[in-house]
């Protein structure tokens, strides 16, 4: 499961600030670091209400996908 952290840009190490400059986020006051098993994503923080809505949609998708897998295994 990804973990995320919102950090003030000025508190990041110089090398990370260089990465932000390279991807056009150097003027953002806040930056969200999202850490997955295989990568670290740098992005502008999303709106909390949008994030909550997306979480609900993702939960519905996950439940439907699990149900689909369960029915496939039950049929075999």
N, C-alpha and C. Protein backbone atom coordinates (compact mmCIF):
# COMPACT_ATOMS: atom_id res chain seq x y z
N UNK A 1 0.84 -1.17 0.00
CA UNK A 1 0.00 0.00 0.00
C UNK A 1 0.89 1.25 0.00
N UNK A 2 0.65 2.18 -0.91
CA UNK A 2 1.48 3.39 -0.95
C UNK A 2 1.32 4.23 0.32
N UNK A 3 2.37 4.89 0.69
CA UNK A 3 2.37 5.83 1.80
C UNK A 3 2.66 7.20 1.21
N UNK A 4 2.05 8.23 1.78
CA UNK A 4 2.33 9.57 1.25
C UNK A 4 2.66 10.52 2.40
N UNK A 5 3.34 11.59 2.04
CA UNK A 5 3.81 12.57 2.99
C UNK A 5 3.81 13.92 2.29
N UNK A 6 3.25 14.94 2.93
CA UNK A 6 3.27 16.28 2.37
C UNK A 6 4.34 17.07 3.11
N UNK A 7 5.25 17.68 2.33
CA UNK A 7 6.41 18.37 2.89
C UNK A 7 6.51 19.76 2.27
N UNK A 8 6.91 20.74 3.09
CA UNK A 8 7.19 22.07 2.54
C UNK A 8 8.44 21.96 1.68
N UNK A 9 8.36 22.48 0.49
CA UNK A 9 9.45 22.37 -0.49
C UNK A 9 10.79 22.81 0.09
N UNK A 10 10.77 23.91 0.83
CA UNK A 10 12.04 24.46 1.34
C UNK A 10 12.72 23.56 2.35
N UNK A 11 11.99 22.58 2.91
CA UNK A 11 12.58 21.66 3.88
C UNK A 11 13.17 20.41 3.24
N UNK A 12 13.10 20.32 1.92
CA UNK A 12 13.65 19.17 1.22
C UNK A 12 15.13 19.39 0.93
N UNK A 13 15.92 18.31 0.84
CA UNK A 13 17.33 18.46 0.49
C UNK A 13 17.49 19.11 -0.89
N UNK A 14 18.64 19.72 -1.10
CA UNK A 14 18.89 20.44 -2.35
C UNK A 14 18.73 19.54 -3.57
N UNK A 15 19.16 18.29 -3.48
CA UNK A 15 19.05 17.40 -4.63
C UNK A 15 17.57 17.15 -4.99
N UNK A 16 16.72 17.00 -3.98
CA UNK A 16 15.29 16.79 -4.24
C UNK A 16 14.68 18.06 -4.82
N UNK A 17 15.10 19.22 -4.33
CA UNK A 17 14.62 20.48 -4.89
C UNK A 17 15.02 20.58 -6.37
N UNK A 18 16.18 20.04 -6.72
CA UNK A 18 16.60 19.99 -8.11
C UNK A 18 15.68 19.12 -8.94
N UNK A 19 15.25 18.00 -8.38
CA UNK A 19 14.29 17.13 -9.08
C UNK A 19 12.99 17.88 -9.32
N UNK A 20 12.55 18.62 -8.28
CA UNK A 20 11.30 19.38 -8.41
C UNK A 20 11.41 20.42 -9.52
N UNK A 21 12.55 21.07 -9.59
CA UNK A 21 12.77 22.06 -10.64
C UNK A 21 12.70 21.38 -12.01
N UNK A 22 13.29 20.20 -12.13
CA UNK A 22 13.32 19.48 -13.40
C UNK A 22 11.92 19.08 -13.87
N UNK A 23 11.00 18.85 -12.94
CA UNK A 23 9.65 18.41 -13.33
C UNK A 23 8.61 19.52 -13.20
N UNK A 24 9.07 20.76 -12.99
CA UNK A 24 8.16 21.90 -12.96
C UNK A 24 7.41 22.12 -11.67
N UNK A 25 7.91 21.58 -10.57
CA UNK A 25 7.26 21.78 -9.27
C UNK A 25 8.07 22.69 -8.35
N UNK A 26 9.04 23.40 -8.89
CA UNK A 26 9.93 24.19 -8.04
C UNK A 26 9.24 25.36 -7.36
N UNK A 27 8.11 25.81 -7.88
CA UNK A 27 7.40 26.95 -7.28
C UNK A 27 6.28 26.52 -6.33
N UNK A 28 6.03 25.22 -6.22
CA UNK A 28 4.97 24.72 -5.34
C UNK A 28 5.41 24.84 -3.89
N UNK A 29 4.53 25.37 -3.05
CA UNK A 29 4.86 25.50 -1.63
C UNK A 29 4.89 24.14 -0.95
N UNK A 30 3.93 23.30 -1.31
CA UNK A 30 3.84 21.96 -0.73
C UNK A 30 4.03 20.93 -1.84
N UNK A 31 4.68 19.85 -1.49
CA UNK A 31 4.90 18.75 -2.43
C UNK A 31 4.51 17.47 -1.71
N UNK A 32 3.82 16.58 -2.42
CA UNK A 32 3.46 15.30 -1.84
C UNK A 32 4.44 14.25 -2.33
N UNK A 33 5.03 13.53 -1.40
CA UNK A 33 5.90 12.40 -1.73
C UNK A 33 5.08 11.14 -1.52
N UNK A 34 4.93 10.35 -2.56
CA UNK A 34 4.18 9.10 -2.48
C UNK A 34 5.17 7.97 -2.67
N UNK A 35 5.30 7.12 -1.67
CA UNK A 35 6.26 6.02 -1.73
C UNK A 35 5.53 4.70 -1.91
N UNK A 36 5.84 4.01 -2.99
CA UNK A 36 5.30 2.69 -3.23
C UNK A 36 6.42 1.68 -3.02
N UNK A 37 6.17 0.42 -3.31
CA UNK A 37 7.20 -0.59 -3.15
C UNK A 37 8.39 -0.36 -4.08
N UNK A 38 8.11 0.26 -5.26
CA UNK A 38 9.15 0.33 -6.27
C UNK A 38 9.54 1.73 -6.71
N UNK A 39 8.83 2.76 -6.23
CA UNK A 39 9.14 4.10 -6.71
C UNK A 39 8.73 5.17 -5.70
N UNK A 40 9.26 6.36 -5.91
CA UNK A 40 8.86 7.54 -5.14
C UNK A 40 8.32 8.55 -6.14
N UNK A 41 7.09 8.99 -5.93
CA UNK A 41 6.46 9.96 -6.80
C UNK A 41 6.48 11.33 -6.13
N UNK A 42 6.74 12.36 -6.90
CA UNK A 42 6.69 13.73 -6.42
C UNK A 42 5.54 14.41 -7.15
N UNK A 43 4.61 15.01 -6.42
CA UNK A 43 3.48 15.68 -7.07
C UNK A 43 2.91 16.76 -6.16
N UNK A 44 2.10 17.61 -6.78
CA UNK A 44 1.36 18.60 -5.99
C UNK A 44 0.32 17.83 -5.17
N UNK A 45 0.08 18.24 -3.93
CA UNK A 45 -0.95 17.55 -3.14
C UNK A 45 -2.33 17.69 -3.79
N UNK A 46 -3.07 16.61 -3.80
CA UNK A 46 -4.42 16.68 -4.35
C UNK A 46 -5.38 17.21 -3.29
N UNK A 47 -6.49 17.70 -3.75
CA UNK A 47 -7.54 18.22 -2.87
C UNK A 47 -8.02 17.08 -1.95
N UNK A 48 -8.09 17.30 -0.63
CA UNK A 48 -8.52 16.23 0.29
C UNK A 48 -9.89 15.64 -0.05
N UNK A 49 -10.83 16.45 -0.49
CA UNK A 49 -12.15 15.90 -0.82
C UNK A 49 -12.07 15.03 -2.08
N UNK A 50 -11.23 15.42 -3.04
CA UNK A 50 -11.03 14.61 -4.23
C UNK A 50 -10.35 13.30 -3.87
N UNK A 51 -9.38 13.37 -2.97
CA UNK A 51 -8.69 12.16 -2.54
C UNK A 51 -9.66 11.20 -1.85
N UNK A 52 -10.56 11.72 -1.01
CA UNK A 52 -11.54 10.89 -0.32
C UNK A 52 -12.50 10.24 -1.31
N UNK A 53 -12.95 11.01 -2.32
CA UNK A 53 -13.83 10.47 -3.35
C UNK A 53 -13.11 9.35 -4.11
N UNK A 54 -11.86 9.58 -4.47
CA UNK A 54 -11.09 8.58 -5.22
C UNK A 54 -10.90 7.31 -4.39
N UNK A 55 -10.69 7.47 -3.09
CA UNK A 55 -10.51 6.31 -2.22
C UNK A 55 -11.77 5.45 -2.25
N UNK A 56 -12.95 6.08 -2.21
CA UNK A 56 -14.21 5.33 -2.27
C UNK A 56 -14.37 4.59 -3.59
N UNK A 57 -14.02 5.24 -4.69
CA UNK A 57 -14.10 4.60 -6.00
C UNK A 57 -13.13 3.43 -6.07
N UNK A 58 -11.92 3.64 -5.56
CA UNK A 58 -10.92 2.58 -5.57
C UNK A 58 -11.39 1.40 -4.74
N UNK A 59 -12.01 1.66 -3.59
CA UNK A 59 -12.54 0.58 -2.76
C UNK A 59 -13.59 -0.22 -3.51
N UNK A 60 -14.47 0.46 -4.26
CA UNK A 60 -15.50 -0.23 -5.05
C UNK A 60 -14.85 -1.08 -6.14
N UNK A 61 -13.85 -0.52 -6.80
CA UNK A 61 -13.14 -1.25 -7.86
C UNK A 61 -12.46 -2.49 -7.27
N UNK A 62 -11.77 -2.31 -6.14
CA UNK A 62 -11.09 -3.44 -5.51
C UNK A 62 -12.06 -4.54 -5.13
N UNK A 63 -13.22 -4.17 -4.58
CA UNK A 63 -14.23 -5.16 -4.19
C UNK A 63 -14.75 -5.91 -5.41
N UNK A 64 -15.04 -5.19 -6.50
CA UNK A 64 -15.54 -5.83 -7.72
C UNK A 64 -14.48 -6.76 -8.32
N UNK A 65 -13.22 -6.32 -8.31
CA UNK A 65 -12.14 -7.14 -8.85
C UNK A 65 -11.96 -8.41 -8.01
N UNK A 66 -12.00 -8.27 -6.69
CA UNK A 66 -11.89 -9.43 -5.80
C UNK A 66 -13.02 -10.41 -6.05
N UNK A 67 -14.23 -9.87 -6.23
CA UNK A 67 -15.40 -10.72 -6.50
C UNK A 67 -15.22 -11.47 -7.82
N UNK A 68 -14.71 -10.79 -8.83
CA UNK A 68 -14.45 -11.41 -10.13
C UNK A 68 -13.43 -12.54 -10.00
N UNK A 69 -12.34 -12.27 -9.27
CA UNK A 69 -11.32 -13.32 -9.06
C UNK A 69 -11.89 -14.51 -8.30
N UNK A 70 -12.67 -14.22 -7.27
CA UNK A 70 -13.27 -15.30 -6.49
C UNK A 70 -14.17 -16.17 -7.34
N UNK A 71 -14.95 -15.54 -8.24
CA UNK A 71 -15.84 -16.33 -9.10
C UNK A 71 -15.05 -17.15 -10.11
N UNK A 72 -13.92 -16.64 -10.58
CA UNK A 72 -13.07 -17.39 -11.51
C UNK A 72 -12.48 -18.61 -10.83
N UNK A 73 -12.00 -18.43 -9.59
CA UNK A 73 -11.41 -19.56 -8.86
C UNK A 73 -12.48 -20.57 -8.48
N UNK A 74 -13.67 -20.12 -8.18
CA UNK A 74 -14.75 -21.04 -7.81
C UNK A 74 -15.18 -21.87 -9.01
N UNK A 75 -15.11 -21.29 -10.21
CA UNK A 75 -15.52 -22.00 -11.42
C UNK A 75 -14.50 -23.05 -11.85
N UNK A 76 -13.27 -22.91 -11.41
CA UNK A 76 -12.23 -23.86 -11.87
C UNK A 76 -12.02 -25.02 -10.93
